[in-house]
Amino acid sequence: MKRILIVDDAATVRLYHREILEAANFTVEEAMNGIEGLEKTLRSPFDLYLVDINMPKLDGYGFLRELRGLDLPQAPAIMISTEAEASDARLAYAAGANLYLIKPVRPNQLLIQVRLLLGEVCP
């Protein structure tokens, strides 16, 4: 079963994404900021990351830059944020995101993108 880490400081957002992903049979873990996300990754890498931009301690851009610098298999990352400017998406891609989505993401849209990045066939 594929493991996904949700890195977001908002508990309601983590719960929303968790419920969507677990209903689709993914194993989900959560981190409240980039530091916690990196600590969990170093213990056991994930198959995909959902990452917010604005978080305390280490924001999403910093998390992705650090993640991409680790000597681990490079799992895809989706940055999901309320920031809707093109410059935000450019910064996300420059930091290492594979995809940039704007909150709120519809459940079906999220699952399609997750499955595509994981190389799974969409039902």
Foldseek 3Di string as FASTA:
>chain_A
DFEEEEEALDPVVLVVLVVLVVVVPYHYDYHNHLVRVVVVCVVPNGQEYEAEADGPPAGRLRSLLVLVPDPDPDHAYEYEYQDDDPVVVVSNVVSPHPYYHYPPDDSVRVVVVVCVSSVHDDD
